[in-house]
PDB file of N, CA and C in Angstrom:
ATOM      1  N   ILE A   1      21.190-209.677-135.692  1.00  0.00           N
ATOM      2  CA  ILE A   1      22.155-210.396-134.883  1.00  0.00           C
ATOM      3  C   ILE A   1      21.505-211.705-134.442  1.00  0.00           C
ATOM      4  N   PHE A   2      22.287-212.782-134.493  1.00  0.00           N
ATOM      5  CA  PHE A   2      21.769-214.093-134.109  1.00  0.00           C
ATOM      6  C   PHE A   2      22.934-215.000-133.744  1.00  0.00           C
ATOM      7  N   CYS A   3      22.625-216.146-133.157  1.00  0.00           N
ATOM      8  CA  CYS A   3      23.673-217.131-132.867  1.00  0.00           C
ATOM      9  C   CYS A   3      23.377-218.397-133.659  1.00  0.00           C
ATOM     10  N   SER A   4      24.436-219.143-133.960  1.00  0.00           N
ATOM     11  CA  SER A   4      24.286-220.356-134.761  1.00  0.00           C
ATOM     12  C   SER A   4      25.483-221.274-134.550  1.00  0.00           C
ATOM     13  N   ASN A   5      25.249-222.544-134.856  1.00  0.00           N
ATOM     14  CA  ASN A   5      26.319-223.545-134.870  1.00  0.00           C
ATOM     15  C   ASN A   5      26.505-224.093-136.285  1.00  0.00           C
ATOM     16  N   HIS A   6      26.041-223.369-137.290  1.00  0.00           N
ATOM     17  CA  HIS A   6      25.993-223.870-138.667  1.00  0.00           C
ATOM     18  C   HIS A   6      27.360-224.219-139.252  1.00  0.00           C
ATOM     19  N   GLU A   7      28.434-223.697-138.716  1.00  0.00           N
ATOM     20  CA  GLU A   7      29.767-223.964-139.269  1.00  0.00           C
ATOM     21  C   GLU A   7      30.375-225.280-138.787  1.00  0.00           C
ATOM     22  N   TYR A   8      29.762-225.897-137.808  1.00  0.00           N
ATOM     23  CA  TYR A   8      30.417-227.009-137.126  1.00  0.00           C
ATOM     24  C   TYR A   8      29.621-228.301-137.253  1.00  0.00           C
ATOM     25  N   LYS A   9      30.254-229.328-137.784  1.00  0.00           N
ATOM     26  CA  LYS A   9      29.585-230.611-138.013  1.00  0.00           C
ATOM     27  C   LYS A   9      29.103-231.258-136.726  1.00  0.00           C
ATOM     28  N   ARG A  10      29.819-231.079-135.633  1.00  0.00           N
ATOM     29  CA  ARG A  10      29.426-231.730-134.384  1.00  0.00           C
ATOM     30  C   ARG A  10      28.380-230.928-133.604  1.00  0.00           C
ATOM     31  N   GLY A  11      27.973-229.773-134.138  1.00  0.00           N
ATOM     32  CA  GLY A  11      26.903-229.000-133.522  1.00  0.00           C
ATOM     33  C   GLY A  11      27.345-228.051-132.427  1.00  0.00           C
ATOM     34  N   PHE A  12      28.616-227.861-132.241  1.00  0.00           N
ATOM     35  CA  PHE A  12      29.127-227.003-131.187  1.00  0.00           C
ATOM     36  C   PHE A  12      30.467-226.483-131.641  1.00  0.00           C
ATOM     37  N   PRO A  13      30.856-225.300-131.411  1.00  0.00           N
ATOM     38  CA  PRO A  13      30.295-224.262-130.560  1.00  0.00           C
ATOM     39  C   PRO A  13      29.226-223.419-131.256  1.00  0.00           C
ATOM     40  N   PHE A  14      28.619-222.552-130.475  1.00  0.00           N
ATOM     41  CA  PHE A  14      27.687-221.558-130.978  1.00  0.00           C
ATOM     42  C   PHE A  14      28.400-220.213-130.966  1.00  0.00           C
ATOM     43  N   ASN A  15      28.313-219.482-132.057  1.00  0.00           N
ATOM     44  CA  ASN A  15      28.885-218.145-132.127  1.00  0.00           C
ATOM     45  C   ASN A  15      27.841-217.162-132.628  1.00  0.00           C
ATOM     46  N   MET A  16      28.160-215.876-132.540  1.00  0.00           N
ATOM     47  CA  MET A  16      27.226-214.829-132.935  1.00  0.00           C
ATOM     48  C   MET A  16      27.581-214.296-134.322  1.00  0.00           C
ATOM     49  N   TYR A  17      26.543-213.942-135.063  1.00  0.00           N
ATOM     50  CA  TYR A  17      26.674-213.457-136.437  1.00  0.00           C
ATOM     51  C   TYR A  17      25.734-212.275-136.635  1.00  0.00           C
ATOM     52  N   MET A  18      26.037-211.480-137.652  1.00  0.00           N
ATOM     53  CA  MET A  18      25.149-210.393-138.061  1.00  0.00           C
ATOM     54  C   MET A  18      24.912-210.490-139.553  1.00  0.00           C
ATOM     55  N   VAL A  19      23.746-210.048-139.981  1.00  0.00           N
ATOM     56  CA  VAL A  19      23.426-209.903-141.400  1.00  0.00           C
ATOM     57  C   VAL A  19      22.821-208.518-141.595  1.00  0.00           C
ATOM     58  N   ASP A  20      22.798-208.058-142.844  1.00  0.00           N
ATOM     59  CA  ASP A  20      22.175-206.770-143.112  1.00  0.00           C
ATOM     60  C   ASP A  20      20.654-206.932-143.138  1.00  0.00           C
ATOM     61  N   LEU A  21      19.948-205.859-143.372  1.00  0.00           N
ATOM     62  CA  LEU A  21      18.486-205.890-143.329  1.00  0.00           C
ATOM     63  C   LEU A  21      17.865-206.780-144.399  1.00  0.00           C
ATOM     64  N   GLU A  22      18.604-207.079-145.458  1.00  0.00           N
ATOM     65  CA  GLU A  22      18.113-207.980-146.500  1.00  0.00           C
ATOM     66  C   GLU A  22      18.489-209.433-146.215  1.00  0.00           C
ATOM     67  N   GLY A  23      19.153-209.679-145.083  1.00  0.00           N
ATOM     68  CA  GLY A  23      19.566-211.043-144.738  1.00  0.00           C
ATOM     69  C   GLY A  23      20.834-211.484-145.441  1.00  0.00           C
ATOM     70  N   LYS A  24      21.609-210.532-145.934  1.00  0.00           N
ATOM     71  CA  LYS A  24      22.846-210.836-146.663  1.00  0.00           C
ATOM     72  C   LYS A  24      24.047-210.272-145.910  1.00  0.00           C
ATOM     73  N   GLY A  25      25.235-210.595-146.407  1.00  0.00           N
ATOM     74  CA  GLY A  25      26.457-210.048-145.832  1.00  0.00           C
ATOM     75  C   GLY A  25      26.752-210.568-144.438  1.00  0.00           C
ATOM     76  N   MET A  26      26.571-211.869-144.221  1.00  0.00           N
ATOM     77  CA  MET A  26      26.773-212.437-142.893  1.00  0.00           C
ATOM     78  C   MET A  26      28.214-212.250-142.417  1.00  0.00           C
ATOM     79  N   VAL A  27      28.344-211.776-141.180  1.00  0.00           N
ATOM     80  CA  VAL A  27      29.643-211.544-140.552  1.00  0.00           C
ATOM     81  C   VAL A  27      29.645-212.227-139.188  1.00  0.00           C
ATOM     82  N   LYS A  28      30.678-213.004-138.924  1.00  0.00           N
ATOM     83  CA  LYS A  28      30.842-213.659-137.621  1.00  0.00           C
ATOM     84  C   LYS A  28      31.395-212.629-136.642  1.00  0.00           C
ATOM     85  N   ILE A  29      30.722-212.438-135.500  1.00  0.00           N
ATOM     86  CA  ILE A  29      31.186-211.429-134.553  1.00  0.00           C
ATOM     87  C   ILE A  29      31.697-212.017-133.241  1.00  0.00           C
ATOM     88  N   SER A  30      31.626-213.331-133.065  1.00  0.00           N
ATOM     89  CA  SER A  30      32.281-213.956-131.904  1.00  0.00           C
ATOM     90  C   SER A  30      32.997-215.205-132.377  1.00  0.00           C
ATOM     91  N   ARG A  31      34.081-215.509-131.699  1.00  0.00           N
ATOM     92  CA  ARG A  31      34.899-216.668-132.072  1.00  0.00           C
ATOM     93  C   ARG A  31      35.348-217.379-130.810  1.00  0.00           C
ATOM     94  N   ASP A  32      34.407-218.004-130.143  1.00  0.00           N
ATOM     95  CA  ASP A  32      34.729-218.714-128.915  1.00  0.00           C
ATOM     96  C   ASP A  32      34.524-220.201-129.144  1.00  0.00           C
ATOM     97  N   LYS A  33      35.188-221.028-128.370  1.00  0.00           N
ATOM     98  CA  LYS A  33      35.062-222.477-128.512  1.00  0.00           C
ATOM     99  C   LYS A  33      33.892-223.030-127.716  1.00  0.00           C
ATOM    100  N   GLY A  34      33.133-222.161-127.082  1.00  0.00           N
ATOM    101  CA  GLY A  34      32.023-222.592-126.247  1.00  0.00           C
ATOM    102  C   GLY A  34      30.683-222.141-126.788  1.00  0.00           C
ATOM    103  N   PHE A  35      29.933-221.484-125.937  1.00  0.00           N
ATOM    104  CA  PHE A  35      28.543-221.138-126.192  1.00  0.00           C
ATOM    105  C   PHE A  35      28.377-219.634-126.060  1.00  0.00           C
ATOM    106  N   ASP A  36      28.139-218.945-127.155  1.00  0.00           N
ATOM    107  CA  ASP A  36      27.760-217.535-127.166  1.00  0.00           C
ATOM    108  C   ASP A  36      26.372-217.474-127.780  1.00  0.00           C
ATOM    109  N   ALA A  37      25.402-216.977-127.025  1.00  0.00           N
ATOM    110  CA  ALA A  37      24.030-217.037-127.533  1.00  0.00           C
ATOM    111  C   ALA A  37      23.165-215.916-126.958  1.00  0.00           C
ATOM    112  N   PHE A  38      21.961-215.836-127.470  1.00  0.00           N
ATOM    113  CA  PHE A  38      20.929-214.891-127.036  1.00  0.00           C
ATOM    114  C   PHE A  38      21.410-213.436-127.093  1.00  0.00           C
ATOM    115  N   PRO A  39      22.059-213.037-128.196  1.00  0.00           N
ATOM    116  CA  PRO A  39      22.559-211.663-128.277  1.00  0.00           C
ATOM    117  C   PRO A  39      21.436-210.662-128.524  1.00  0.00           C
ATOM    118  N   MET A  40      21.601-209.475-127.973  1.00  0.00           N
ATOM    119  CA  MET A  40      20.693-208.369-128.270  1.00  0.00           C
ATOM    120  C   MET A  40      21.405-207.056-127.992  1.00  0.00           C
ATOM    121  N   PHE A  41      20.919-206.019-128.649  1.00  0.00           N
ATOM    122  CA  PHE A  41      21.473-204.690-128.465  1.00  0.00           C
ATOM    123  C   PHE A  41      20.647-203.922-127.448  1.00  0.00           C
ATOM    124  N   SER A  42      21.287-202.971-126.784  1.00  0.00           N
ATOM    125  CA  SER A  42      20.564-202.054-125.911  1.00  0.00           C
ATOM    126  C   SER A  42      19.662-201.188-126.788  1.00  0.00           C
ATOM    127  N   PRO A  43      18.626-200.594-126.202  1.00  0.00           N
ATOM    128  CA  PRO A  43      17.715-199.769-127.009  1.00  0.00           C
ATOM    129  C   PRO A  43      18.410-198.657-127.797  1.00  0.00           C
ATOM    130  N   ASP A  44      19.498-198.109-127.260  1.00  0.00           N
ATOM    131  CA  ASP A  44      20.198-197.038-127.978  1.00  0.00           C
ATOM    132  C   ASP A  44      21.264-197.567-128.938  1.00  0.00           C
ATOM    133  N   GLY A  45      21.451-198.905-129.000  1.00  0.00           N
ATOM    134  CA  GLY A  45      22.402-199.513-129.921  1.00  0.00           C
ATOM    135  C   GLY A  45      23.861-199.373-129.529  1.00  0.00           C
ATOM    136  N   LYS A  46      24.126-198.877-128.325  1.00  0.00           N
ATOM    137  CA  LYS A  46      25.511-198.647-127.902  1.00  0.00           C
ATOM    138  C   LYS A  46      26.136-199.830-127.175  1.00  0.00           C
ATOM    139  N   LYS A  47      25.320-200.782-126.750  1.00  0.00           N
ATOM    140  CA  LYS A  47      25.836-201.939-126.018  1.00  0.00           C
ATOM    141  C   LYS A  47      25.245-203.216-126.591  1.00  0.00           C
ATOM    142  N   ILE A  48      25.986-204.305-126.426  1.00  0.00           N
ATOM    143  CA  ILE A  48      25.503-205.635-126.775  1.00  0.00           C
ATOM    144  C   ILE A  48      25.530-206.468-125.497  1.00  0.00           C
ATOM    145  N   ILE A  49      24.528-207.296-125.320  1.00  0.00           N
ATOM    146  CA  ILE A  49      24.477-208.217-124.194  1.00  0.00           C
ATOM    147  C   ILE A  49      24.276-209.612-124.763  1.00  0.00           C
ATOM    148  N   PHE A  50      24.956-210.588-124.182  1.00  0.00           N
ATOM    149  CA  PHE A  50      24.804-211.967-124.629  1.00  0.00           C
ATOM    150  C   PHE A  50      25.150-212.916-123.498  1.00  0.00           C
ATOM    151  N   ALA A  51      24.657-214.132-123.607  1.00  0.00           N
ATOM    152  CA  ALA A  51      24.971-215.192-122.651  1.00  0.00           C
ATOM    153  C   ALA A  51      26.134-216.000-123.203  1.00  0.00           C
ATOM    154  N   SER A  52      27.029-216.429-122.312  1.00  0.00           N
ATOM    155  CA  SER A  52      28.176-217.209-122.752  1.00  0.00           C
ATOM    156  C   SER A  52      28.701-218.060-121.610  1.00  0.00           C
ATOM    157  N   ASN A  53      29.286-219.199-121.991  1.00  0.00           N
ATOM    158  CA  ASN A  53      29.971-219.995-120.974  1.00  0.00           C
ATOM    159  C   ASN A  53      31.489-219.881-121.121  1.00  0.00           C
ATOM    160  N   ARG A  54      31.951-218.853-121.816  1.00  0.00           N
ATOM    161  CA  ARG A  54      33.402-218.606-121.933  1.00  0.00           C
ATOM    162  C   ARG A  54      33.957-218.245-120.556  1.00  0.00           C
ATOM    163  N   ASN A  55      35.209-218.547-120.352  1.00  0.00           N
ATOM    164  CA  ASN A  55      35.916-218.199-119.112  1.00  0.00           C
ATOM    165  C   ASN A  55      35.227-218.725-117.857  1.00  0.00           C
ATOM    166  N   ASN A  56      34.625-219.909-117.939  1.00  0.00           N
ATOM    167  CA  ASN A  56      33.905-220.440-116.782  1.00  0.00           C
ATOM    168  C   ASN A  56      34.709-221.475-115.997  1.00  0.00           C
ATOM    169  N   GLY A  57      35.980-221.627-116.308  1.00  0.00           N
ATOM    170  CA  GLY A  57      36.832-222.541-115.560  1.00  0.00           C
ATOM    171  C   GLY A  57      36.479-224.004-115.738  1.00  0.00           C
ATOM    172  N   GLY A  58      35.863-224.351-116.868  1.00  0.00           N
ATOM    173  CA  GLY A  58      35.510-225.740-117.130  1.00  0.00           C
ATOM    174  C   GLY A  58      34.200-226.185-116.505  1.00  0.00           C
ATOM    175  N   THR A  59      33.478-225.266-115.884  1.00  0.00           N
ATOM    176  CA  THR A  59      32.173-225.606-115.305  1.00  0.00           C
ATOM    177  C   THR A  59      31.102-225.430-116.377  1.00  0.00           C
ATOM    178  N   ARG A  60      29.883-225.657-116.026  1.00  0.00           N
ATOM    179  CA  ARG A  60      28.771-225.437-116.953  1.00  0.00           C
ATOM    180  C   ARG A  60      28.105-224.080-116.717  1.00  0.00           C
ATOM    181  N   ASP A  61      28.748-223.225-115.941  1.00  0.00           N
ATOM    182  CA  ASP A  61      28.183-221.911-115.641  1.00  0.00           C
ATOM    183  C   ASP A  61      28.033-221.077-116.910  1.00  0.00           C
ATOM    184  N   THR A  62      26.931-220.364-116.980  1.00  0.00           N
ATOM    185  CA  THR A  62      26.688-219.431-118.074  1.00  0.00           C
ATOM    186  C   THR A  62      26.559-218.041-117.471  1.00  0.00           C
ATOM    187  N   ASN A  63      27.225-217.090-118.068  1.00  0.00           N
ATOM    188  CA  ASN A  63      27.221-215.716-117.572  1.00  0.00           C
ATOM    189  C   ASN A  63      26.661-214.775-118.622  1.00  0.00           C
ATOM    190  N   LEU A  64      26.240-213.605-118.177  1.00  0.00           N
ATOM    191  CA  LEU A  64      25.815-212.544-119.083  1.00  0.00           C
ATOM    192  C   LEU A  64      26.959-211.565-119.257  1.00  0.00           C
ATOM    193  N   PHE A  65      27.201-211.181-120.485  1.00  0.00           N
ATOM    194  CA  PHE A  65      28.247-210.215-120.799  1.00  0.00           C
ATOM    195  C   PHE A  65      27.599-208.982-121.412  1.00  0.00           C
ATOM    196  N   ILE A  66      28.014-207.824-120.949  1.00  0.00           N
ATOM    197  CA  ILE A  66      27.560-206.547-121.503  1.00  0.00           C
ATOM    198  C   ILE A  66      28.804-205.816-121.982  1.00  0.00           C
ATOM    199  N   ALA A  67      28.811-205.428-123.238  1.00  0.00           N
ATOM    200  CA  ALA A  67      29.991-204.781-123.809  1.00  0.00           C
ATOM    201  C   ALA A  67      29.576-203.582-124.647  1.00  0.00           C
ATOM    202  N   ASP A  68      30.464-202.605-124.729  1.00  0.00           N
ATOM    203  CA  ASP A  68      30.238-201.483-125.636  1.00  0.00           C
ATOM    204  C   ASP A  68      30.272-202.007-127.064  1.00  0.00           C
ATOM    205  N   TRP A  69      29.353-201.540-127.891  1.00  0.00           N
ATOM    206  CA  TRP A  69      29.315-201.934-129.294  1.00  0.00           C
ATOM    207  C   TRP A  69      30.084-200.910-130.107  1.00  0.00           C
ATOM    208  N   VAL A  70      31.124-201.363-130.789  1.00  0.00           N
ATOM    209  CA  VAL A  70      31.953-200.494-131.613  1.00  0.00           C
ATOM    210  C   VAL A  70      31.954-201.058-133.025  1.00  0.00           C
ATOM    211  N   GLU A  71      31.534-200.261-133.988  1.00  0.00           N
ATOM    212  CA  GLU A  71      31.508-200.741-135.373  1.00  0.00           C
ATOM    213  C   GLU A  71      32.809-200.470-136.066  1.00  0.00           C
TER     214      GLU A  71
END
């Protein structure tokens, strides 16, 4: 799991992606117009946590989101 802005010429937004263990099969797992970054899984793999400035009311605030991971 990683974040990148590789799809966007202007360098923004950042979204989260996953690849398999061989580095193939890239899948986009977030689709926000802002900043989704620093993703990681809980030790048991049941939750994902990431930083994002989504839903910040137009401020520069960045929040941490913890969500259940469902495949």
